[in-house]
Amino acid sequence: MNRTALRMTALSLVLALASHGAWAQAPIVIKFSHVVAPDTPKGRAAERFKQLAEQMTGGRVKVEVYPNSQLYRDREELEALQLGAVQMLAPSLAKFSPLGVKEFEAFDLPYIFPSKQALYAVTEGRLGRGLLRKLEPKGITGLAYWDNGFKVMSANKPLLTPADFRGLRMRIQASKVLDAQMRALGAQPVALAFSETAPALRDGVVEGTENPPSNMFTQRMHESQKHLTVSNHGYLGYAVIVNKKFWDGLPGDIRKTLERAMEQATVYEKTIAQRTNDAALESIRRAGTTTIHTLTPQQQAEWRRALQPVYTQMEERIGKDVVQAIRREANP
């Protein structure tokens, strides 16, 4: 066969393959990285978003979910997002402070949300949307708030009064507010990445921590913590965010479809969050490794009094107007 015939044969093959879609455009890949286990509220919601996004775009988008700090740890993931190494994250709200957006630290203030309804009044309203827009100059687009619920305290001794915290090394995520919270209780705060927390508890590097029950149970922290106090003293939530350049560069129809997928995944996440934490607390109870305490109204009032100075210390840092606005929205 001569060269002309070979070229004609090759061209015919290319046209035939193209007509059968063999050269169809490769899917858009979204790498979604997070630091918790797949069976937490955040982990399950990330998988739900993956399913919805791939289904609703007809396979034009592929979402790769990387849980348990498989790609990046707490301190690394935001930089990775800004550099485009990953496209999507769901970091806890305290992590935005190093970017210069300190207003999100208000979510760490103790007892600022009296209920989930009060929380949603903030995150689903004008104030919550305005906070997400503050991320845009940092190259980040905020898509949604996800919920993990209220936190418990744990240690190897009962934590019933502020005096019980005196001198304890308590793990916190990196947050000036949480640092001030632990110091107000008389503890010694130790900032550690989430992935380092369970080993640090086992090895005695830290003596206690705070977490929603789902995080505590899925990381098996209860196996090295003899006591747990249902204090509901603080809140842990997340913002689902994407690299702004990547997001703005998507075809308009794809972006709108992904927004709908995120809306549905967010509804799902909020539905399962409390249920998952309730089930985790019951699993910790059944494990028999940890005594569970619930604060009496008098004990909780004592905690509130001890933690009130945190507001005075942090209002200037966060912005007194932001703290007051959240309190107004949360307590109409």
C-alpha atoms as a PDB file:
ATOM      1  CA  MET A   1       0.000   0.000   0.000  1.00  0.00           C
ATOM      2  CA  ASN A   2       1.471   3.407  -0.976  1.00  0.00           C
ATOM      3  CA  ARG A   3       1.704   6.441   1.291  1.00  0.00           C
ATOM      4  CA  THR A   4      -1.361   8.146  -0.186  1.00  0.00           C
ATOM      5  CA  ALA A   5      -3.444   5.060   0.429  1.00  0.00           C
ATOM      6  CA  LEU A   6      -2.105   4.800   3.974  1.00  0.00           C
ATOM      7  CA  ARG A   7      -3.002   8.419   4.698  1.00  0.00           C
ATOM      8  CA  MET A   8      -6.516   7.932   3.301  1.00  0.00           C
ATOM      9  CA  THR A   9      -6.990   4.805   5.404  1.00  0.00           C
ATOM     10  CA  ALA A  10      -5.794   6.605   8.543  1.00  0.00           C
ATOM     11  CA  LEU A  11      -8.090   9.563   7.852  1.00  0.00           C
ATOM     12  CA  SER A  12     -11.056   7.247   7.359  1.00  0.00           C
ATOM     13  CA  LEU A  13     -10.277   5.560  10.685  1.00  0.00           C
ATOM     14  CA  VAL A  14     -10.070   8.913  12.498  1.00  0.00           C
ATOM     15  CA  LEU A  15     -13.411  10.039  11.047  1.00  0.00           C
ATOM     16  CA  ALA A  16     -15.039   6.738  11.972  1.00  0.00           C
ATOM     17  CA  LEU A  17     -13.779   6.898  15.552  1.00  0.00           C
ATOM     18  CA  ALA A  18     -14.845  10.514  15.936  1.00  0.00           C
ATOM     19  CA  SER A  19     -18.319   9.744  14.621  1.00  0.00           C
ATOM     20  CA  HIS A  20     -18.707   7.105  17.343  1.00  0.00           C
ATOM     21  CA  GLY A  21     -17.664   9.507  20.096  1.00  0.00           C
ATOM     22  CA  ALA A  22     -14.340   7.818  20.734  1.00  0.00           C
ATOM     23  CA  TRP A  23     -12.715  11.224  20.727  1.00  0.00           C
ATOM     24  CA  ALA A  24     -15.293  12.774  22.986  1.00  0.00           C
ATOM     25  CA  GLN A  25     -14.021  15.574  25.177  1.00  0.00           C
ATOM     26  CA  ALA A  26     -12.431  14.389  28.421  1.00  0.00           C
ATOM     27  CA  PRO A  27     -14.492  15.179  31.552  1.00  0.00           C
ATOM     28  CA  ILE A  28     -13.715  18.189  33.720  1.00  0.00           C
ATOM     29  CA  VAL A  29     -12.007  16.875  36.865  1.00  0.00           C
ATOM     30  CA  ILE A  30     -12.727  18.391  40.283  1.00  0.00           C
ATOM     31  CA  LYS A  31     -10.400  17.236  43.046  1.00  0.00           C
ATOM     32  CA  PHE A  32     -12.297  17.598  46.343  1.00  0.00           C
ATOM     33  CA  SER A  33      -9.941  17.276  49.323  1.00  0.00           C
ATOM     34  CA  HIS A  34     -10.914  17.169  53.000  1.00  0.00           C
ATOM     35  CA  VAL A  35      -9.388  16.096  56.307  1.00  0.00           C
ATOM     36  CA  VAL A  36     -12.096  13.967  57.972  1.00  0.00           C
ATOM     37  CA  ALA A  37     -13.330  10.391  57.559  1.00  0.00           C
ATOM     38  CA  PRO A  38     -15.728   9.389  54.756  1.00  0.00           C
ATOM     39  CA  ASP A  39     -18.495   8.470  57.215  1.00  0.00           C
ATOM     40  CA  THR A  40     -18.704  11.892  58.893  1.00  0.00           C
ATOM     41  CA  PRO A  41     -21.349  14.424  57.786  1.00  0.00           C
ATOM     42  CA  LYS A  42     -18.789  16.254  55.636  1.00  0.00           C
ATOM     43  CA  GLY A  43     -17.407  13.038  54.175  1.00  0.00           C
ATOM     44  CA  ARG A  44     -20.839  11.699  53.273  1.00  0.00           C
ATOM     45  CA  ALA A  45     -21.931  15.022  51.787  1.00  0.00           C
ATOM     46  CA  ALA A  46     -18.788  15.188  49.637  1.00  0.00           C
ATOM     47  CA  GLU A  47     -19.677  11.771  48.219  1.00  0.00           C
ATOM     48  CA  ARG A  48     -23.264  12.907  47.635  1.00  0.00           C
ATOM     49  CA  PHE A  49     -22.021  15.963  45.744  1.00  0.00           C
ATOM     50  CA  LYS A  50     -19.799  13.697  43.624  1.00  0.00           C
ATOM     51  CA  GLN A  51     -22.764  11.477  42.722  1.00  0.00           C
ATOM     52  CA  LEU A  52     -25.047  14.407  41.930  1.00  0.00           C
ATOM     53  CA  ALA A  53     -22.445  16.356  39.946  1.00  0.00           C
ATOM     54  CA  GLU A  54     -21.498  13.405  37.765  1.00  0.00           C
ATOM     55  CA  GLN A  55     -25.105  12.363  37.219  1.00  0.00           C
ATOM     56  CA  MET A  56     -26.529  15.842  36.572  1.00  0.00           C
ATOM     57  CA  THR A  57     -23.770  16.765  34.089  1.00  0.00           C
ATOM     58  CA  GLY A  58     -24.105  13.491  32.226  1.00  0.00           C
ATOM     59  CA  GLY A  59     -20.499  12.590  32.947  1.00  0.00           C
ATOM     60  CA  ARG A  60     -19.072  15.895  31.711  1.00  0.00           C
ATOM     61  CA  VAL A  61     -17.684  16.409  35.242  1.00  0.00           C
ATOM     62  CA  LYS A  62     -15.739  13.886  37.300  1.00  0.00           C
ATOM     63  CA  VAL A  63     -15.344  14.549  41.041  1.00  0.00           C
ATOM     64  CA  GLU A  64     -12.458  12.860  42.838  1.00  0.00           C
ATOM     65  CA  VAL A  65     -12.932  12.912  46.633  1.00  0.00           C
ATOM     66  CA  TYR A  66      -9.839  12.591  48.842  1.00  0.00           C
ATOM     67  CA  PRO A  67     -10.788  12.196  52.557  1.00  0.00           C
ATOM     68  CA  ASN A  68      -8.682  11.834  55.719  1.00  0.00           C
ATOM     69  CA  SER A  69      -5.926  14.278  54.650  1.00  0.00           C
ATOM     70  CA  GLN A  70      -4.872  11.931  51.835  1.00  0.00           C
ATOM     71  CA  LEU A  71      -3.642  14.923  49.828  1.00  0.00           C
ATOM     72  CA  TYR A  72      -3.194  17.809  52.264  1.00  0.00           C
ATOM     73  CA  ARG A  73      -3.324  18.512  55.974  1.00  0.00           C
ATOM     74  CA  ASP A  74      -5.089  21.437  57.638  1.00  0.00           C
ATOM     75  CA  ARG A  75      -2.368  24.005  57.125  1.00  0.00           C
ATOM     76  CA  GLU A  76      -1.659  22.993  53.523  1.00  0.00           C
ATOM     77  CA  GLU A  77      -5.025  22.658  51.852  1.00  0.00           C
ATOM     78  CA  LEU A  78      -5.933  26.335  51.401  1.00  0.00           C
ATOM     79  CA  GLU A  79      -2.625  27.083  49.717  1.00  0.00           C
ATOM     80  CA  ALA A  80      -3.139  24.054  47.477  1.00  0.00           C
ATOM     81  CA  LEU A  81      -6.548  25.400  46.474  1.00  0.00           C
ATOM     82  CA  GLN A  82      -5.215  28.875  45.705  1.00  0.00           C
ATOM     83  CA  LEU A  83      -2.447  27.345  43.571  1.00  0.00           C
ATOM     84  CA  GLY A  84      -4.964  25.181  41.705  1.00  0.00           C
ATOM     85  CA  ALA A  85      -3.540  21.850  42.903  1.00  0.00           C
ATOM     86  CA  VAL A  86      -7.069  20.998  44.060  1.00  0.00           C
ATOM     87  CA  GLN A  87     -10.310  22.613  42.978  1.00  0.00           C
ATOM     88  CA  MET A  88     -12.612  22.149  45.974  1.00  0.00           C
ATOM     89  CA  LEU A  89     -12.325  22.040  49.774  1.00  0.00           C
ATOM     90  CA  ALA A  90     -14.622  22.196  52.792  1.00  0.00           C
ATOM     91  CA  PRO A  91     -12.381  23.631  55.538  1.00  0.00           C
ATOM     92  CA  SER A  92     -13.575  24.588  58.985  1.00  0.00           C
ATOM     93  CA  LEU A  93     -14.438  28.269  59.222  1.00  0.00           C
ATOM     94  CA  ALA A  94     -11.520  29.086  61.534  1.00  0.00           C
ATOM     95  CA  LYS A  95      -9.050  28.346  58.727  1.00  0.00           C
ATOM     96  CA  PHE A  96      -9.829  31.540  56.849  1.00  0.00           C
ATOM     97  CA  SER A  97      -8.205  33.795  59.425  1.00  0.00           C
ATOM     98  CA  PRO A  98      -4.635  33.238  58.132  1.00  0.00           C
ATOM     99  CA  LEU A  99      -5.868  34.580  54.789  1.00  0.00           C
ATOM    100  CA  GLY A 100      -6.760  37.833  56.525  1.00  0.00           C
ATOM    101  CA  VAL A 101     -10.505  37.159  56.672  1.00  0.00           C
ATOM    102  CA  LYS A 102     -10.805  37.167  60.447  1.00  0.00           C
ATOM    103  CA  GLU A 103     -14.566  37.675  60.516  1.00  0.00           C
ATOM    104  CA  PHE A 104     -15.063  33.916  60.201  1.00  0.00           C
ATOM    105  CA  GLU A 105     -13.511  33.480  63.655  1.00  0.00           C
ATOM    106  CA  ALA A 106     -16.822  34.679  65.101  1.00  0.00           C
ATOM    107  CA  PHE A 107     -18.144  31.154  64.484  1.00  0.00           C
ATOM    108  CA  ASP A 108     -15.630  29.895  67.091  1.00  0.00           C
ATOM    109  CA  LEU A 109     -16.932  32.136  69.876  1.00  0.00           C
ATOM    110  CA  PRO A 110     -18.315  30.062  72.763  1.00  0.00           C
ATOM    111  CA  TYR A 111     -22.083  29.816  73.055  1.00  0.00           C
ATOM    112  CA  ILE A 112     -22.700  32.302  70.223  1.00  0.00           C
ATOM    113  CA  PHE A 113     -25.400  30.095  68.653  1.00  0.00           C
ATOM    114  CA  PRO A 114     -28.176  28.989  71.024  1.00  0.00           C
ATOM    115  CA  SER A 115     -29.573  26.503  68.484  1.00  0.00           C
ATOM    116  CA  LYS A 116     -29.228  25.154  64.959  1.00  0.00           C
ATOM    117  CA  GLN A 117     -32.090  27.413  63.882  1.00  0.00           C
ATOM    118  CA  ALA A 118     -30.129  30.430  65.108  1.00  0.00           C
ATOM    119  CA  LEU A 119     -27.055  29.206  63.240  1.00  0.00           C
ATOM    120  CA  TYR A 120     -28.958  28.764  59.974  1.00  0.00           C
ATOM    121  CA  ALA A 121     -30.435  32.237  60.312  1.00  0.00           C
ATOM    122  CA  VAL A 122     -26.860  33.490  59.965  1.00  0.00           C
ATOM    123  CA  THR A 123     -25.372  31.082  57.409  1.00  0.00           C
ATOM    124  CA  GLU A 124     -28.385  31.045  55.081  1.00  0.00           C
ATOM    125  CA  GLY A 125     -29.023  34.776  55.262  1.00  0.00           C
ATOM    126  CA  ARG A 126     -27.515  38.009  54.006  1.00  0.00           C
ATOM    127  CA  LEU A 127     -24.767  37.971  56.626  1.00  0.00           C
ATOM    128  CA  GLY A 128     -23.539  34.497  55.729  1.00  0.00           C
ATOM    129  CA  ARG A 129     -23.477  35.280  52.005  1.00  0.00           C
ATOM    130  CA  GLY A 130     -21.595  38.503  52.681  1.00  0.00           C
ATOM    131  CA  LEU A 131     -18.903  36.643  54.607  1.00  0.00           C
ATOM    132  CA  LEU A 132     -18.373  34.209  51.730  1.00  0.00           C
ATOM    133  CA  ARG A 133     -17.914  37.116  49.315  1.00  0.00           C
ATOM    134  CA  LYS A 134     -14.975  38.319  51.426  1.00  0.00           C
ATOM    135  CA  LEU A 135     -13.041  35.278  50.159  1.00  0.00           C
ATOM    136  CA  GLU A 136     -13.178  36.322  46.507  1.00  0.00           C
ATOM    137  CA  PRO A 137     -10.163  38.710  46.616  1.00  0.00           C
ATOM    138  CA  LYS A 138      -8.175  35.701  47.873  1.00  0.00           C
ATOM    139  CA  GLY A 139      -8.965  33.740  44.705  1.00  0.00           C
ATOM    140  CA  ILE A 140     -11.692  31.690  46.422  1.00  0.00           C
ATOM    141  CA  THR A 141     -15.400  31.341  45.668  1.00  0.00           C
ATOM    142  CA  GLY A 142     -17.643  30.237  48.528  1.00  0.00           C
ATOM    143  CA  LEU A 143     -20.465  27.904  47.525  1.00  0.00           C
ATOM    144  CA  ALA A 144     -22.160  26.775  50.734  1.00  0.00           C
ATOM    145  CA  TYR A 145     -21.957  26.289  54.478  1.00  0.00           C
ATOM    146  CA  TRP A 146     -21.913  22.732  55.767  1.00  0.00           C
ATOM    147  CA  ASP A 147     -22.723  21.796  59.321  1.00  0.00           C
ATOM    148  CA  ASN A 148     -21.027  19.474  61.784  1.00  0.00           C
ATOM    149  CA  GLY A 149     -22.794  20.592  64.909  1.00  0.00           C
ATOM    150  CA  PHE A 150     -21.959  21.479  68.467  1.00  0.00           C
ATOM    151  CA  LYS A 151     -18.849  20.267  70.224  1.00  0.00           C
ATOM    152  CA  VAL A 152     -18.169  18.128  73.266  1.00  0.00           C
ATOM    153  CA  MET A 153     -15.104  18.231  75.524  1.00  0.00           C
ATOM    154  CA  SER A 154     -13.063  15.136  76.320  1.00  0.00           C
ATOM    155  CA  ALA A 155     -10.150  14.245  78.585  1.00  0.00           C
ATOM    156  CA  ASN A 156      -8.982  11.529  80.951  1.00  0.00           C
ATOM    157  CA  LYS A 157     -10.726  13.211  83.871  1.00  0.00           C
ATOM    158  CA  PRO A 158     -14.262  14.594  84.222  1.00  0.00           C
ATOM    159  CA  LEU A 159     -14.621  18.146  82.903  1.00  0.00           C
ATOM    160  CA  LEU A 160     -17.594  19.556  84.776  1.00  0.00           C
ATOM    161  CA  THR A 161     -16.401  22.944  85.985  1.00  0.00           C
ATOM    162  CA  PRO A 162     -13.798  25.427  84.676  1.00  0.00           C
ATOM    163  CA  ALA A 163     -11.529  24.400  87.554  1.00  0.00           C
ATOM    164  CA  ASP A 164     -11.315  20.904  86.054  1.00  0.00           C
ATOM    165  CA  PHE A 165      -9.435  22.287  83.023  1.00  0.00           C
ATOM    166  CA  ARG A 166      -6.642  23.856  85.040  1.00  0.00           C
ATOM    167  CA  GLY A 167      -3.259  22.936  83.533  1.00  0.00           C
ATOM    168  CA  LEU A 168      -4.607  20.410  81.000  1.00  0.00           C
ATOM    169  CA  ARG A 169      -2.980  20.310  77.570  1.00  0.00           C
ATOM    170  CA  MET A 170      -6.004  20.621  75.270  1.00  0.00           C
ATOM    171  CA  ARG A 171      -5.764  20.194  71.508  1.00  0.00           C
ATOM    172  CA  ILE A 172      -7.401  22.888  69.408  1.00  0.00           C
ATOM    173  CA  GLN A 173      -7.419  23.656  65.718  1.00  0.00           C
ATOM    174  CA  ALA A 174      -5.405  26.754  64.904  1.00  0.00           C
ATOM    175  CA  SER A 175      -7.684  29.597  66.032  1.00  0.00           C
ATOM    176  CA  LYS A 176      -7.003  32.640  68.170  1.00  0.00           C
ATOM    177  CA  VAL A 177     -10.535  32.398  69.539  1.00  0.00           C
ATOM    178  CA  LEU A 178     -10.151  28.764  70.575  1.00  0.00           C
ATOM    179  CA  ASP A 179      -6.775  29.573  72.093  1.00  0.00           C
ATOM    180  CA  ALA A 180      -8.431  32.302  74.201  1.00  0.00           C
ATOM    181  CA  GLN A 181     -11.294  29.931  75.069  1.00  0.00           C
ATOM    182  CA  MET A 182      -9.002  27.275  76.508  1.00  0.00           C
ATOM    183  CA  ARG A 183      -6.950  29.847  78.412  1.00  0.00           C
ATOM    184  CA  ALA A 184     -10.141  31.306  79.901  1.00  0.00           C
ATOM    185  CA  LEU A 185     -10.913  27.819  81.228  1.00  0.00           C
ATOM    186  CA  GLY A 186      -7.405  27.516  82.679  1.00  0.00           C
ATOM    187  CA  ALA A 187      -6.146  24.975  80.133  1.00  0.00           C
ATOM    188  CA  GLN A 188      -3.020  25.038  78.003  1.00  0.00           C
ATOM    189  CA  PRO A 189      -4.072  25.104  74.323  1.00  0.00           C
ATOM    190  CA  VAL A 190      -2.018  23.109  71.801  1.00  0.00           C
ATOM    191  CA  ALA A 191      -2.784  23.731  68.100  1.00  0.00           C
ATOM    192  CA  LEU A 192      -2.508  20.523  66.060  1.00  0.00           C
ATOM    193  CA  ALA A 193      -3.693  19.455  62.625  1.00  0.00           C
ATOM    194  CA  PHE A 194      -6.767  17.233  62.751  1.00  0.00           C
ATOM    195  CA  SER A 195      -4.821  14.299  61.316  1.00  0.00           C
ATOM    196  CA  GLU A 196      -2.335  14.562  64.204  1.00  0.00           C
ATOM    197  CA  THR A 197      -4.908  14.705  66.993  1.00  0.00           C
ATOM    198  CA  ALA A 198      -5.793  11.058  67.582  1.00  0.00           C
ATOM    199  CA  PRO A 199      -2.104   9.965  67.727  1.00  0.00           C
ATOM    200  CA  ALA A 200      -1.320  12.887  70.051  1.00  0.00           C
ATOM    201  CA  LEU A 201      -4.101  11.788  72.422  1.00  0.00           C
ATOM    202  CA  ARG A 202      -2.879   8.190  72.379  1.00  0.00           C
ATOM    203  CA  ASP A 203       0.711   9.225  73.047  1.00  0.00           C
ATOM    204  CA  GLY A 204      -0.147  11.738  75.779  1.00  0.00           C
ATOM    205  CA  VAL A 205       1.168  14.726  73.819  1.00  0.00           C
ATOM    206  CA  VAL A 206      -2.175  16.332  74.637  1.00  0.00           C
ATOM    207  CA  GLU A 207      -4.597  15.293  77.368  1.00  0.00           C
ATOM    208  CA  GLY A 208      -7.916  16.312  75.904  1.00  0.00           C
ATOM    209  CA  THR A 209      -9.692  17.982  73.025  1.00  0.00           C
ATOM    210  CA  GLU A 210     -12.991  19.337  71.701  1.00  0.00           C
ATOM    211  CA  ASN A 211     -14.909  17.944  68.734  1.00  0.00           C
ATOM    212  CA  PRO A 212     -18.372  17.042  67.521  1.00  0.00           C
ATOM    213  CA  PRO A 213     -19.024  13.394  68.454  1.00  0.00           C
ATOM    214  CA  SER A 214     -18.822  12.228  64.819  1.00  0.00           C
ATOM    215  CA  ASN A 215     -15.219  13.415  64.498  1.00  0.00           C
ATOM    216  CA  MET A 216     -14.314  11.938  67.859  1.00  0.00           C
ATOM    217  CA  PHE A 217     -15.805   8.530  67.073  1.00  0.00           C
ATOM    218  CA  THR A 218     -14.618   8.117  63.473  1.00  0.00           C
ATOM    219  CA  GLN A 219     -11.040   8.954  64.500  1.00  0.00           C
ATOM    220  CA  ARG A 220     -11.358   6.585  67.507  1.00  0.00           C
ATOM    221  CA  MET A 221     -10.367   9.331  69.920  1.00  0.00           C
ATOM    222  CA  HIS A 222     -12.767   7.896  72.493  1.00  0.00           C
ATOM    223  CA  GLU A 223     -10.471   4.887  72.861  1.00  0.00           C
ATOM    224  CA  SER A 224      -7.904   7.105  74.587  1.00  0.00           C
ATOM    225  CA  GLN A 225     -10.310   9.512  76.325  1.00  0.00           C
ATOM    226  CA  LYS A 226     -11.949   8.234  79.506  1.00  0.00           C
ATOM    227  CA  HIS A 227     -14.408  11.099  79.944  1.00  0.00           C
ATOM    228  CA  LEU A 228     -16.620  13.128  77.598  1.00  0.00           C
ATOM    229  CA  THR A 229     -18.733  16.160  78.528  1.00  0.00           C
ATOM    230  CA  VAL A 230     -21.760  17.053  76.409  1.00  0.00           C
ATOM    231  CA  SER A 231     -21.160  20.775  76.750  1.00  0.00           C
ATOM    232  CA  ASN A 232     -22.365  22.106  73.365  1.00  0.00           C
ATOM    233  CA  HIS A 233     -20.110  25.054  74.142  1.00  0.00           C
ATOM    234  CA  GLY A 234     -18.958  25.710  70.595  1.00  0.00           C
ATOM    235  CA  TYR A 235     -19.830  25.087  66.996  1.00  0.00           C
ATOM    236  CA  LEU A 236     -17.884  23.437  64.171  1.00  0.00           C
ATOM    237  CA  GLY A 237     -18.939  24.273  60.636  1.00  0.00           C
ATOM    238  CA  TYR A 238     -17.384  24.335  57.197  1.00  0.00           C
ATOM    239  CA  ALA A 239     -17.497  26.395  54.028  1.00  0.00           C
ATOM    240  CA  VAL A 240     -17.436  24.561  50.718  1.00  0.00           C
ATOM    241  CA  ILE A 241     -15.096  26.564  48.510  1.00  0.00           C
ATOM    242  CA  VAL A 242     -13.602  26.367  45.033  1.00  0.00           C
ATOM    243  CA  ASN A 243     -10.674  27.934  43.226  1.00  0.00           C
ATOM    244  CA  LYS A 244     -12.224  31.102  41.754  1.00  0.00           C
ATOM    245  CA  LYS A 245     -10.275  31.051  38.495  1.00  0.00           C
ATOM    246  CA  PHE A 246     -11.289  27.437  37.885  1.00  0.00           C
ATOM    247  CA  TRP A 247     -14.931  28.130  38.774  1.00  0.00           C
ATOM    248  CA  ASP A 248     -15.214  31.257  36.635  1.00  0.00           C
ATOM    249  CA  GLY A 249     -13.627  29.398  33.718  1.00  0.00           C
ATOM    250  CA  LEU A 250     -16.243  26.642  33.628  1.00  0.00           C
ATOM    251  CA  PRO A 251     -18.852  26.655  30.853  1.00  0.00           C
ATOM    252  CA  GLY A 252     -21.922  28.507  32.136  1.00  0.00           C
ATOM    253  CA  ASP A 253     -24.260  25.518  31.886  1.00  0.00           C
ATOM    254  CA  ILE A 254     -21.817  23.314  33.801  1.00  0.00           C
ATOM    255  CA  ARG A 255     -21.412  25.912  36.555  1.00  0.00           C
ATOM    256  CA  LYS A 256     -25.183  26.282  36.979  1.00  0.00           C
ATOM    257  CA  THR A 257     -25.615  22.501  37.109  1.00  0.00           C
ATOM    258  CA  LEU A 258     -22.889  22.190  39.743  1.00  0.00           C
ATOM    259  CA  GLU A 259     -24.553  24.933  41.787  1.00  0.00           C
ATOM    260  CA  ARG A 260     -27.779  22.892  41.783  1.00  0.00           C
ATOM    261  CA  ALA A 261     -25.833  19.769  42.758  1.00  0.00           C
ATOM    262  CA  MET A 262     -24.224  21.683  45.630  1.00  0.00           C
ATOM    263  CA  GLU A 263     -27.618  22.975  46.807  1.00  0.00           C
ATOM    264  CA  GLN A 264     -28.961  19.420  46.948  1.00  0.00           C
ATOM    265  CA  ALA A 265     -25.826  18.081  48.645  1.00  0.00           C
ATOM    266  CA  THR A 266     -26.083  20.867  51.241  1.00  0.00           C
ATOM    267  CA  VAL A 267     -29.690  20.002  52.065  1.00  0.00           C
ATOM    268  CA  TYR A 268     -28.600  16.379  52.475  1.00  0.00           C
ATOM    269  CA  GLU A 269     -25.645  17.363  54.671  1.00  0.00           C
ATOM    270  CA  LYS A 270     -27.794  19.390  57.038  1.00  0.00           C
ATOM    271  CA  THR A 271     -30.300  16.541  57.246  1.00  0.00           C
ATOM    272  CA  ILE A 272     -27.723  13.983  58.330  1.00  0.00           C
ATOM    273  CA  ALA A 273     -25.451  16.133  60.533  1.00  0.00           C
ATOM    274  CA  GLN A 274     -27.354  15.948  63.815  1.00  0.00           C
ATOM    275  CA  ARG A 275     -28.404  12.361  63.228  1.00  0.00           C
ATOM    276  CA  THR A 276     -24.808  11.313  62.585  1.00  0.00           C
ATOM    277  CA  ASN A 277     -23.547  13.036  65.732  1.00  0.00           C
ATOM    278  CA  ASP A 278     -26.317  11.529  67.858  1.00  0.00           C
ATOM    279  CA  ALA A 279     -25.451   8.069  66.510  1.00  0.00           C
ATOM    280  CA  ALA A 280     -21.733   8.647  67.151  1.00  0.00           C
ATOM    281  CA  LEU A 281     -22.379   9.665  70.756  1.00  0.00           C
ATOM    282  CA  GLU A 282     -24.434   6.517  71.262  1.00  0.00           C
ATOM    283  CA  SER A 283     -21.647   4.423  69.693  1.00  0.00           C
ATOM    284  CA  ILE A 284     -19.146   5.969  72.114  1.00  0.00           C
ATOM    285  CA  ARG A 285     -21.497   5.128  74.982  1.00  0.00           C
ATOM    286  CA  ARG A 286     -21.814   1.513  73.822  1.00  0.00           C
ATOM    287  CA  ALA A 287     -18.047   1.154  73.369  1.00  0.00           C
ATOM    288  CA  GLY A 288     -17.716   1.350  77.142  1.00  0.00           C
ATOM    289  CA  THR A 289     -14.377   3.164  77.057  1.00  0.00           C
ATOM    290  CA  THR A 290     -15.693   6.599  77.971  1.00  0.00           C
ATOM    291  CA  THR A 291     -17.941   7.958  80.708  1.00  0.00           C
ATOM    292  CA  ILE A 292     -20.349  10.519  79.253  1.00  0.00           C
ATOM    293  CA  HIS A 293     -21.336  13.532  81.365  1.00  0.00           C
ATOM    294  CA  THR A 294     -24.006  16.140  80.691  1.00  0.00           C
ATOM    295  CA  LEU A 295     -23.678  19.570  82.273  1.00  0.00           C
ATOM    296  CA  THR A 296     -26.366  20.665  84.671  1.00  0.00           C
ATOM    297  CA  PRO A 297     -27.887  24.132  84.086  1.00  0.00           C
ATOM    298  CA  GLN A 298     -25.800  25.433  87.000  1.00  0.00           C
ATOM    299  CA  GLN A 299     -22.577  23.973  85.585  1.00  0.00           C
ATOM    300  CA  GLN A 300     -23.302  25.366  82.139  1.00  0.00           C
ATOM    301  CA  ALA A 301     -23.931  28.811  83.648  1.00  0.00           C
ATOM    302  CA  GLU A 302     -20.507  28.554  85.304  1.00  0.00           C
ATOM    303  CA  TRP A 303     -18.889  27.706  81.946  1.00  0.00           C
ATOM    304  CA  ARG A 304     -20.625  30.673  80.317  1.00  0.00           C
ATOM    305  CA  ARG A 305     -19.357  33.057  82.999  1.00  0.00           C
ATOM    306  CA  ALA A 306     -15.813  31.745  82.656  1.00  0.00           C
ATOM    307  CA  LEU A 307     -15.886  32.100  78.859  1.00  0.00           C
ATOM    308  CA  GLN A 308     -17.471  35.549  78.650  1.00  0.00           C
ATOM    309  CA  PRO A 309     -14.065  37.354  78.663  1.00  0.00           C
ATOM    310  CA  VAL A 310     -13.297  35.691  75.305  1.00  0.00           C
ATOM    311  CA  TYR A 311     -15.758  38.100  73.673  1.00  0.00           C
ATOM    312  CA  THR A 312     -14.007  41.119  75.165  1.00  0.00           C
ATOM    313  CA  GLN A 313     -10.618  39.841  74.013  1.00  0.00           C
ATOM    314  CA  MET A 314     -11.682  38.890  70.490  1.00  0.00           C
ATOM    315  CA  GLU A 315     -14.223  41.544  69.453  1.00  0.00           C
ATOM    316  CA  GLU A 316     -11.558  43.960  68.245  1.00  0.00           C
ATOM    317  CA  ARG A 317      -9.792  41.230  66.272  1.00  0.00           C
ATOM    318  CA  ILE A 318     -12.931  39.856  64.623  1.00  0.00           C
ATOM    319  CA  GLY A 319     -14.834  43.133  64.395  1.00  0.00           C
ATOM    320  CA  LYS A 320     -17.327  44.199  67.040  1.00  0.00           C
ATOM    321  CA  ASP A 321     -19.871  45.006  64.326  1.00  0.00           C
ATOM    322  CA  VAL A 322     -19.636  41.445  62.949  1.00  0.00           C
ATOM    323  CA  VAL A 323     -20.077  39.863  66.382  1.00  0.00           C
ATOM    324  CA  GLN A 324     -23.045  42.103  67.141  1.00  0.00           C
ATOM    325  CA  ALA A 325     -24.617  41.396  63.736  1.00  0.00           C
ATOM    326  CA  ILE A 326     -24.340  37.639  64.288  1.00  0.00           C
ATOM    327  CA  ARG A 327     -25.857  37.951  67.747  1.00  0.00           C
ATOM    328  CA  ARG A 328     -28.771  39.972  66.327  1.00  0.00           C
ATOM    329  CA  GLU A 329     -29.407  37.413  63.572  1.00  0.00           C
ATOM    330  CA  ALA A 330     -29.029  34.470  65.950  1.00  0.00           C
ATOM    331  CA  ASN A 331     -31.246  36.011  68.649  1.00  0.00           C
ATOM    332  CA  PRO A 332     -34.001  37.931  66.824  1.00  0.00           C
END
